[in-house]
C-alpha atoms as a PDB file:
ATOM      1  CA  MET A   1     -73.402-124.714  11.081  1.00  0.00           C
ATOM      2  CA  ALA A   2     -70.093-125.297  12.362  1.00  0.00           C
ATOM      3  CA  SER A   3     -68.998-128.900  13.078  1.00  0.00           C
ATOM      4  CA  SER A   4     -68.235-129.219  16.559  1.00  0.00           C
ATOM      5  CA  THR A   5     -64.739-131.792  17.816  1.00  0.00           C
ATOM      6  CA  LEU A   6     -66.553-134.345  20.093  1.00  0.00           C
ATOM      7  CA  GLY A   7     -64.014-135.458  23.186  1.00  0.00           C
ATOM      8  CA  ALA A   8     -63.492-138.837  24.647  1.00  0.00           C
ATOM      9  CA  THR A   9     -66.446-139.037  26.969  1.00  0.00           C
ATOM     10  CA  GLY A  10     -68.648-138.024  23.108  1.00  0.00           C
ATOM     11  CA  ARG A  11     -68.785-134.665  24.155  1.00  0.00           C
ATOM     12  CA  PRO A  12     -68.331-131.933  22.096  1.00  0.00           C
ATOM     13  CA  ALA A  13     -64.726-130.614  23.144  1.00  0.00           C
ATOM     14  CA  SER A  14     -64.051-127.353  24.028  1.00  0.00           C
ATOM     15  CA  GLY A  15     -62.328-124.845  22.481  1.00  0.00           C
ATOM     16  CA  ARG A  16     -58.953-125.350  24.161  1.00  0.00           C
ATOM     17  CA  ALA A  17     -59.292-129.291  23.825  1.00  0.00           C
ATOM     18  CA  GLN A  18     -59.892-128.931  19.891  1.00  0.00           C
ATOM     19  CA  THR A  19     -56.694-126.458  19.713  1.00  0.00           C
ATOM     20  CA  TRP A  20     -54.542-129.199  21.049  1.00  0.00           C
ATOM     21  CA  GLN A  21     -56.241-131.752  19.260  1.00  0.00           C
ATOM     22  CA  ARG A  22     -55.441-129.860  15.653  1.00  0.00           C
ATOM     23  CA  ALA A  23     -51.755-129.454  16.683  1.00  0.00           C
ATOM     24  CA  ALA A  24     -51.501-133.244  17.476  1.00  0.00           C
ATOM     25  CA  LEU A  25     -52.856-133.605  13.892  1.00  0.00           C
ATOM     26  CA  ALA A  26     -50.509-131.484  12.212  1.00  0.00           C
ATOM     27  CA  VAL A  27     -47.330-133.017  14.330  1.00  0.00           C
ATOM     28  CA  GLY A  28     -48.158-136.176  12.933  1.00  0.00           C
ATOM     29  CA  LEU A  29     -48.755-135.257   9.425  1.00  0.00           C
ATOM     30  CA  ALA A  30     -45.233-133.749   9.372  1.00  0.00           C
ATOM     31  CA  ILE A  31     -43.630-136.911  10.898  1.00  0.00           C
ATOM     32  CA  VAL A  32     -45.585-139.119   8.039  1.00  0.00           C
ATOM     33  CA  VAL A  33     -44.591-136.743   5.186  1.00  0.00           C
ATOM     34  CA  ALA A  34     -40.907-136.375   6.996  1.00  0.00           C
ATOM     35  CA  GLY A  35     -41.015-139.947   6.808  1.00  0.00           C
ATOM     36  CA  CYS A  36     -41.800-140.072   2.997  1.00  0.00           C
ATOM     37  CA  SER A  37     -39.544-137.418   1.827  1.00  0.00           C
ATOM     38  CA  ALA A  38     -36.264-138.971   4.018  1.00  0.00           C
ATOM     39  CA  ALA A  39     -37.400-142.623   2.214  1.00  0.00           C
ATOM     40  CA  THR A  40     -38.103-141.288  -1.402  1.00  0.00           C
ATOM     41  CA  PRO A  41     -34.925-139.391  -2.928  1.00  0.00           C
ATOM     42  CA  THR A  42     -35.918-136.021  -4.529  1.00  0.00           C
ATOM     43  CA  ALA A  43     -35.716-135.358  -8.372  1.00  0.00           C
ATOM     44  CA  THR A  44     -32.394-133.129  -8.099  1.00  0.00           C
ATOM     45  CA  GLN A  45     -30.913-135.927  -6.022  1.00  0.00           C
ATOM     46  CA  THR A  46     -31.971-139.161  -8.855  1.00  0.00           C
ATOM     47  CA  VAL A  47     -30.494-136.892 -11.234  1.00  0.00           C
ATOM     48  CA  ALA A  48     -27.420-136.303  -9.961  1.00  0.00           C
ATOM     49  CA  ALA A  49     -26.834-139.858  -9.228  1.00  0.00           C
ATOM     50  CA  ALA A  50     -27.276-140.216 -12.370  1.00  0.00           C
ATOM     51  CA  THR A  51     -25.475-137.965 -14.420  1.00  0.00           C
ATOM     52  CA  ALA A  52     -22.120-138.996 -11.952  1.00  0.00           C
ATOM     53  CA  THR A  53     -18.969-139.604 -14.005  1.00  0.00           C
ATOM     54  CA  PRO A  54     -17.670-142.736 -12.310  1.00  0.00           C
ATOM     55  CA  THR A  55     -14.004-142.158 -11.561  1.00  0.00           C
ATOM     56  CA  PRO A  56     -11.818-144.382 -14.150  1.00  0.00           C
ATOM     57  CA  THR A  57      -9.810-147.052 -13.179  1.00  0.00           C
ATOM     58  CA  PRO A  58      -6.430-146.245 -13.179  1.00  0.00           C
ATOM     59  CA  THR A  59      -4.360-147.918 -16.150  1.00  0.00           C
ATOM     60  CA  ALA A  60      -1.494-149.897 -14.939  1.00  0.00           C
ATOM     61  CA  MET A  61       2.125-148.198 -15.987  1.00  0.00           C
ATOM     62  CA  PRO A  62       4.208-150.616 -18.179  1.00  0.00           C
ATOM     63  CA  THR A  63       7.507-151.525 -16.046  1.00  0.00           C
ATOM     64  CA  PRO A  64      10.369-149.540 -17.894  1.00  0.00           C
ATOM     65  CA  THR A  65      12.972-152.583 -19.830  1.00  0.00           C
ATOM     66  CA  PRO A  66      16.254-151.825 -18.107  1.00  0.00           C
ATOM     67  CA  THR A  67      18.484-150.649 -21.126  1.00  0.00           C
ATOM     68  CA  PRO A  68      21.462-153.499 -20.807  1.00  0.00           C
ATOM     69  CA  THR A  69      24.404-151.551 -20.451  1.00  0.00           C
ATOM     70  CA  PRO A  70      27.054-152.013 -22.889  1.00  0.00           C
ATOM     71  CA  THR A  71      30.216-154.498 -21.543  1.00  0.00           C
ATOM     72  CA  PRO A  72      33.593-152.336 -22.437  1.00  0.00           C
ATOM     73  CA  THR A  73      35.622-153.649 -24.567  1.00  0.00           C
ATOM     74  CA  PRO A  74      39.111-154.285 -22.889  1.00  0.00           C
ATOM     75  CA  THR A  75      42.161-151.895 -24.189  1.00  0.00           C
ATOM     76  CA  PRO A  76      45.043-154.750 -24.714  1.00  0.00           C
ATOM     77  CA  SER A  77      47.588-153.344 -22.335  1.00  0.00           C
ATOM     78  CA  PRO A  78      50.802-152.304 -24.698  1.00  0.00           C
ATOM     79  CA  THR A  79      53.565-154.560 -25.270  1.00  0.00           C
ATOM     80  CA  ALA A  80      56.909-153.094 -24.337  1.00  0.00           C
ATOM     81  CA  THR A  81      59.579-153.045 -26.974  1.00  0.00           C
ATOM     82  CA  PRO A  82      62.360-154.652 -25.894  1.00  0.00           C
ATOM     83  CA  LYS A  83      65.653-152.362 -25.944  1.00  0.00           C
ATOM     84  CA  PRO A  84      67.830-153.725 -27.957  1.00  0.00           C
ATOM     85  CA  THR A  85      70.931-155.873 -26.875  1.00  0.00           C
ATOM     86  CA  ALA A  86      73.539-153.535 -26.813  1.00  0.00           C
ATOM     87  CA  LYS A  87      76.923-154.833 -29.217  1.00  0.00           C
ATOM     88  CA  PRO A  88      80.415-154.941 -27.051  1.00  0.00           C
ATOM     89  CA  THR A  89      82.664-152.228 -28.831  1.00  0.00           C
ATOM     90  CA  PRO A  90      85.005-154.397 -29.805  1.00  0.00           C
ATOM     91  CA  LYS A  91      88.759-153.448 -28.612  1.00  0.00           C
ATOM     92  CA  PRO A  92      91.355-151.614 -31.087  1.00  0.00           C
ATOM     93  CA  THR A  93      94.036-154.058 -32.170  1.00  0.00           C
ATOM     94  CA  PRO A  94      97.335-152.975 -31.613  1.00  0.00           C
ATOM     95  CA  LEU A  95      99.066-151.845 -34.164  1.00  0.00           C
ATOM     96  CA  PRO A  96     102.642-153.651 -34.713  1.00  0.00           C
ATOM     97  CA  PRO A  97     105.978-151.667 -33.790  1.00  0.00           C
ATOM     98  CA  LEU A  98     106.211-151.033 -37.377  1.00  0.00           C
ATOM     99  CA  ALA A  99     103.072-149.106 -37.583  1.00  0.00           C
ATOM    100  CA  ILE A 100     103.437-146.615 -34.524  1.00  0.00           C
ATOM    101  CA  GLY A 101     103.793-142.943 -35.360  1.00  0.00           C
ATOM    102  CA  LEU A 102     102.734-143.666 -38.880  1.00  0.00           C
ATOM    103  CA  CYS A 103     100.676-141.447 -41.031  1.00  0.00           C
ATOM    104  CA  THR A 104      97.251-142.563 -41.130  1.00  0.00           C
ATOM    105  CA  GLY A 105      95.124-141.938 -44.333  1.00  0.00           C
ATOM    106  CA  ALA A 106      93.581-138.864 -42.166  1.00  0.00           C
ATOM    107  CA  GLN A 107      96.783-136.879 -42.249  1.00  0.00           C
ATOM    108  CA  LEU A 108      97.643-137.054 -45.859  1.00  0.00           C
ATOM    109  CA  LYS A 109      96.185-135.407 -49.115  1.00  0.00           C
ATOM    110  CA  LEU A 110      97.786-137.042 -52.343  1.00  0.00           C
ATOM    111  CA  THR A 111      98.191-134.841 -55.914  1.00  0.00           C
ATOM    112  CA  LEU A 112      98.866-136.838 -59.041  1.00  0.00           C
ATOM    113  CA  ASP A 113     101.370-135.240 -61.002  1.00  0.00           C
ATOM    114  CA  TYR A 114     100.918-134.992 -64.861  1.00  0.00           C
ATOM    115  CA  TRP A 115     101.212-138.280 -66.484  1.00  0.00           C
ATOM    116  CA  ILE A 116     104.832-139.237 -68.672  1.00  0.00           C
ATOM    117  CA  GLY A 117     105.163-142.011 -71.105  1.00  0.00           C
ATOM    118  CA  SER A 118     105.567-142.665 -74.891  1.00  0.00           C
ATOM    119  CA  SER A 119     104.633-145.603 -77.636  1.00  0.00           C
ATOM    120  CA  GLY A 120     106.577-149.050 -76.422  1.00  0.00           C
ATOM    121  CA  ASN A 121     106.921-147.443 -72.788  1.00  0.00           C
ATOM    122  CA  PRO A 122     105.451-148.168 -69.467  1.00  0.00           C
ATOM    123  CA  SER A 123     103.294-144.406 -68.386  1.00  0.00           C
ATOM    124  CA  TYR A 124     104.905-143.087 -65.316  1.00  0.00           C
ATOM    125  CA  ALA A 125     103.662-140.246 -62.755  1.00  0.00           C
ATOM    126  CA  HIS A 126     104.776-138.380 -59.528  1.00  0.00           C
ATOM    127  CA  VAL A 127     102.402-138.904 -56.464  1.00  0.00           C
ATOM    128  CA  TYR A 128     102.622-136.252 -53.839  1.00  0.00           C
ATOM    129  CA  ALA A 129     101.659-137.545 -50.478  1.00  0.00           C
ATOM    130  CA  THR A 130     101.088-133.941 -47.986  1.00  0.00           C
ATOM    131  CA  ASN A 131     100.604-133.928 -44.361  1.00  0.00           C
ATOM    132  CA  VAL A 132      97.403-131.272 -43.461  1.00  0.00           C
ATOM    133  CA  SER A 133      97.194-132.154 -39.880  1.00  0.00           C
ATOM    134  CA  SER A 134      98.457-130.638 -37.069  1.00  0.00           C
ATOM    135  CA  ALA A 135     101.001-133.237 -36.044  1.00  0.00           C
ATOM    136  CA  SER A 136     104.113-135.001 -37.220  1.00  0.00           C
ATOM    137  CA  CYS A 137     103.849-138.183 -38.539  1.00  0.00           C
ATOM    138  CA  ASN A 138     106.029-140.843 -40.177  1.00  0.00           C
ATOM    139  CA  MET A 139     106.497-142.662 -43.884  1.00  0.00           C
ATOM    140  CA  ARG A 140     108.590-145.230 -44.656  1.00  0.00           C
ATOM    141  CA  GLY A 141     108.687-148.156 -47.055  1.00  0.00           C
ATOM    142  CA  THR A 142     107.229-148.568 -50.690  1.00  0.00           C
ATOM    143  CA  PRO A 143     103.351-147.880 -51.061  1.00  0.00           C
ATOM    144  CA  ARG A 144     100.534-150.268 -52.149  1.00  0.00           C
ATOM    145  CA  THR A 145      99.559-148.548 -55.551  1.00  0.00           C
ATOM    146  CA  GLN A 146      96.227-148.887 -57.796  1.00  0.00           C
ATOM    147  CA  ILE A 147      95.157-147.402 -60.770  1.00  0.00           C
ATOM    148  CA  LEU A 148      91.894-147.033 -61.100  1.00  0.00           C
ATOM    149  CA  ASP A 149      89.613-145.687 -64.393  1.00  0.00           C
ATOM    150  CA  GLY A 150      87.598-143.300 -65.161  1.00  0.00           C
ATOM    151  CA  ASN A 151      84.191-144.779 -63.396  1.00  0.00           C
ATOM    152  CA  GLY A 152      86.293-145.689 -60.297  1.00  0.00           C
ATOM    153  CA  LYS A 153      86.820-148.784 -61.056  1.00  0.00           C
ATOM    154  CA  VAL A 154      90.045-150.542 -59.871  1.00  0.00           C
ATOM    155  CA  ILE A 155      92.008-151.935 -63.032  1.00  0.00           C
ATOM    156  CA  VAL A 156      95.256-152.957 -62.120  1.00  0.00           C
ATOM    157  CA  ASP A 157      96.655-153.224 -57.954  1.00  0.00           C
ATOM    158  CA  SER A 158     100.023-153.444 -56.847  1.00  0.00           C
ATOM    159  CA  GLY A 159      98.916-156.277 -54.538  1.00  0.00           C
ATOM    160  CA  ASN A 160     102.055-155.855 -52.055  1.00  0.00           C
ATOM    161  CA  GLY A 161      99.480-155.033 -49.014  1.00  0.00           C
ATOM    162  CA  GLY A 162     100.835-155.233 -45.630  1.00  0.00           C
ATOM    163  CA  SER A 163     103.534-156.257 -46.586  1.00  0.00           C
ATOM    164  CA  GLU A 164     104.958-152.157 -47.883  1.00  0.00           C
ATOM    165  CA  ILE A 165     106.960-152.057 -44.536  1.00  0.00           C
ATOM    166  CA  SER A 166     110.529-153.711 -43.689  1.00  0.00           C
ATOM    167  CA  THR A 167     112.494-152.845 -40.529  1.00  0.00           C
ATOM    168  CA  GLY A 168     115.771-151.845 -42.839  1.00  0.00           C
ATOM    169  CA  ASP A 169     113.245-148.749 -44.519  1.00  0.00           C
ATOM    170  CA  PRO A 170     114.143-145.310 -43.551  1.00  0.00           C
ATOM    171  CA  VAL A 171     111.522-143.540 -41.450  1.00  0.00           C
ATOM    172  CA  TYR A 172     111.233-139.837 -42.777  1.00  0.00           C
ATOM    173  CA  THR A 173     109.389-137.352 -40.675  1.00  0.00           C
ATOM    174  CA  VAL A 174     107.051-135.160 -42.458  1.00  0.00           C
ATOM    175  CA  ASN A 175     105.781-131.887 -40.331  1.00  0.00           C
ATOM    176  CA  PRO A 176     102.575-130.302 -40.581  1.00  0.00           C
ATOM    177  CA  SER A 177     102.501-129.236 -44.251  1.00  0.00           C
ATOM    178  CA  GLY A 178     105.732-131.091 -45.212  1.00  0.00           C
ATOM    179  CA  VAL A 179     105.380-133.540 -48.033  1.00  0.00           C
ATOM    180  CA  VAL A 180     106.714-137.123 -49.456  1.00  0.00           C
ATOM    181  CA  TYR A 181     106.932-138.184 -52.954  1.00  0.00           C
ATOM    182  CA  ASP A 182     107.173-141.958 -54.873  1.00  0.00           C
ATOM    183  CA  ILE A 183     106.892-142.309 -58.551  1.00  0.00           C
ATOM    184  CA  ILE A 184     104.340-144.684 -60.265  1.00  0.00           C
ATOM    185  CA  GLU A 185     104.913-146.802 -62.862  1.00  0.00           C
ATOM    186  CA  TRP A 186     102.081-148.384 -64.671  1.00  0.00           C
ATOM    187  CA  ASP A 187     103.056-151.440 -67.999  1.00  0.00           C
ATOM    188  CA  ASN A 188     101.912-153.677 -70.184  1.00  0.00           C
ATOM    189  CA  TRP A 189      98.207-152.668 -70.913  1.00  0.00           C
ATOM    190  CA  CYS A 190      96.645-155.082 -73.197  1.00  0.00           C
ATOM    191  CA  LYS A 191      92.604-154.768 -72.733  1.00  0.00           C
ATOM    192  CA  SER A 192      90.789-152.091 -75.068  1.00  0.00           C
ATOM    193  CA  ASN A 193      91.703-148.659 -73.759  1.00  0.00           C
ATOM    194  CA  PRO A 194      90.190-148.079 -69.949  1.00  0.00           C
ATOM    195  CA  LYS A 195      87.839-144.920 -69.679  1.00  0.00           C
ATOM    196  CA  GLN A 196      89.399-141.787 -68.859  1.00  0.00           C
ATOM    197  CA  ASN A 197      90.327-139.796 -66.665  1.00  0.00           C
ATOM    198  CA  VAL A 198      92.544-142.545 -64.740  1.00  0.00           C
ATOM    199  CA  SER A 199      93.218-141.817 -60.973  1.00  0.00           C
ATOM    200  CA  VAL A 200      95.673-143.288 -58.534  1.00  0.00           C
ATOM    201  CA  ASP A 201      94.694-144.654 -55.022  1.00  0.00           C
ATOM    202  CA  VAL A 202      97.239-144.972 -52.273  1.00  0.00           C
ATOM    203  CA  VAL A 203      96.428-147.598 -49.411  1.00  0.00           C
ATOM    204  CA  GLN A 204      98.298-146.890 -46.423  1.00  0.00           C
ATOM    205  CA  PRO A 205      99.529-150.512 -44.019  1.00  0.00           C
ATOM    206  CA  PHE A 206      98.347-151.988 -41.638  1.00  0.00           C
ATOM    207  CA  GLY A 207      95.068-150.164 -42.123  1.00  0.00           C
ATOM    208  CA  LEU A 208      95.812-147.399 -41.617  1.00  0.00           C
ATOM    209  CA  GLY A 209      93.340-145.556 -44.252  1.00  0.00           C
ATOM    210  CA  THR A 210      93.182-145.205 -48.288  1.00  0.00           C
ATOM    211  CA  ASN A 211      94.384-141.827 -49.970  1.00  0.00           C
ATOM    212  CA  LYS A 212      93.037-141.172 -53.434  1.00  0.00           C
ATOM    213  CA  ALA A 213      95.207-138.778 -55.953  1.00  0.00           C
ATOM    214  CA  LYS A 214      92.907-137.092 -58.161  1.00  0.00           C
ATOM    215  CA  ALA A 215      93.062-137.395 -61.771  1.00  0.00           C
ATOM    216  CA  ASN A 216      94.948-134.896 -63.773  1.00  0.00           C
ATOM    217  CA  GLY A 217      94.738-135.618 -67.663  1.00  0.00           C
ATOM    218  CA  SER A 218      94.571-137.884 -69.328  1.00  0.00           C
ATOM    219  CA  ALA A 219      96.993-141.115 -68.779  1.00  0.00           C
ATOM    220  CA  PRO A 220      99.144-142.027 -71.923  1.00  0.00           C
ATOM    221  CA  ILE A 221      97.925-146.463 -71.822  1.00  0.00           C
ATOM    222  CA  PRO A 222     101.103-148.279 -71.576  1.00  0.00           C
ATOM    223  CA  TYR A 223     102.384-150.702 -74.745  1.00  0.00           C
ATOM    224  CA  CYS A 224     101.466-154.371 -74.214  1.00  0.00           C
ATOM    225  CA  TYR A 225     104.327-156.234 -74.472  1.00  0.00           C
ATOM    226  CA  SER A 226     103.082-159.713 -73.324  1.00  0.00           C
ATOM    227  CA  SER A 227      99.317-160.834 -74.189  1.00  0.00           C
ATOM    228  CA  GLY A 228      99.518-163.395 -71.754  1.00  0.00           C
ATOM    229  CA  SER A 229     100.783-161.114 -68.784  1.00  0.00           C
ATOM    230  CA  SER A 230      98.396-158.818 -66.403  1.00  0.00           C
ATOM    231  CA  SER A 231      99.122-155.189 -66.766  1.00  0.00           C
ATOM    232  CA  THR A 232     100.955-154.088 -63.780  1.00  0.00           C
ATOM    233  CA  VAL A 233     102.527-151.337 -61.188  1.00  0.00           C
ATOM    234  CA  LYS A 234     104.931-150.323 -59.255  1.00  0.00           C
ATOM    235  CA  ALA A 235     105.942-147.556 -57.058  1.00  0.00           C
ATOM    236  CA  ASP A 236     109.173-146.456 -55.555  1.00  0.00           C
ATOM    237  CA  PRO A 237     109.518-145.859 -51.951  1.00  0.00           C
ATOM    238  CA  TRP A 238     108.575-142.838 -50.435  1.00  0.00           C
ATOM    239  CA  SER A 239     110.973-139.958 -50.078  1.00  0.00           C
ATOM    240  CA  PRO A 240     111.410-136.766 -49.007  1.00  0.00           C
END
């Protein structure tokens, strides 16, 4: 026998009332189920929560240590080279009156003629002075004369430097290519024979220069007549 639903009065409910009762019951059950569903997480949610990867805590980056900037080595300033002190130019010493117009060493060329000599006598030679400049000049007095051995060492000196000229000496003008000469005499050689070939130097007065007459063959060695005396060389005055 089919059961019937009682109403509020204890009487069987009508069909419509039963329908509403059933609907209300369904709604209530739905609400209860929904509440349970909201309160209890689903299995999928539980697994997702369990397998979720935790967010890693960021690792603090080390603060870079600044590289110290090297201190530049100071470049030393160049020391200025002191300028050399200019030496004062010496003023030329004025020539004495007797030296004015005389030939200088630069204007002359000397030539030595053949030596002449024999045993027991002095040795002789002619010395020629040629004006090789383009200007005329004067020659006067007796020249200072030196004998040099084959090594160029002075072995005899007339020793009258600075006093070769006097006011009474004649003056000879020597034009370009002109020639004057003198005769020299070498005497009393008491040492061992000097190295040949000997030559002759003529020293111009007043510091005007020195001229050399190259050797012209071997010179005869003068005779030694006084071992206690020095060897000597003498010259005649210049002559045209």
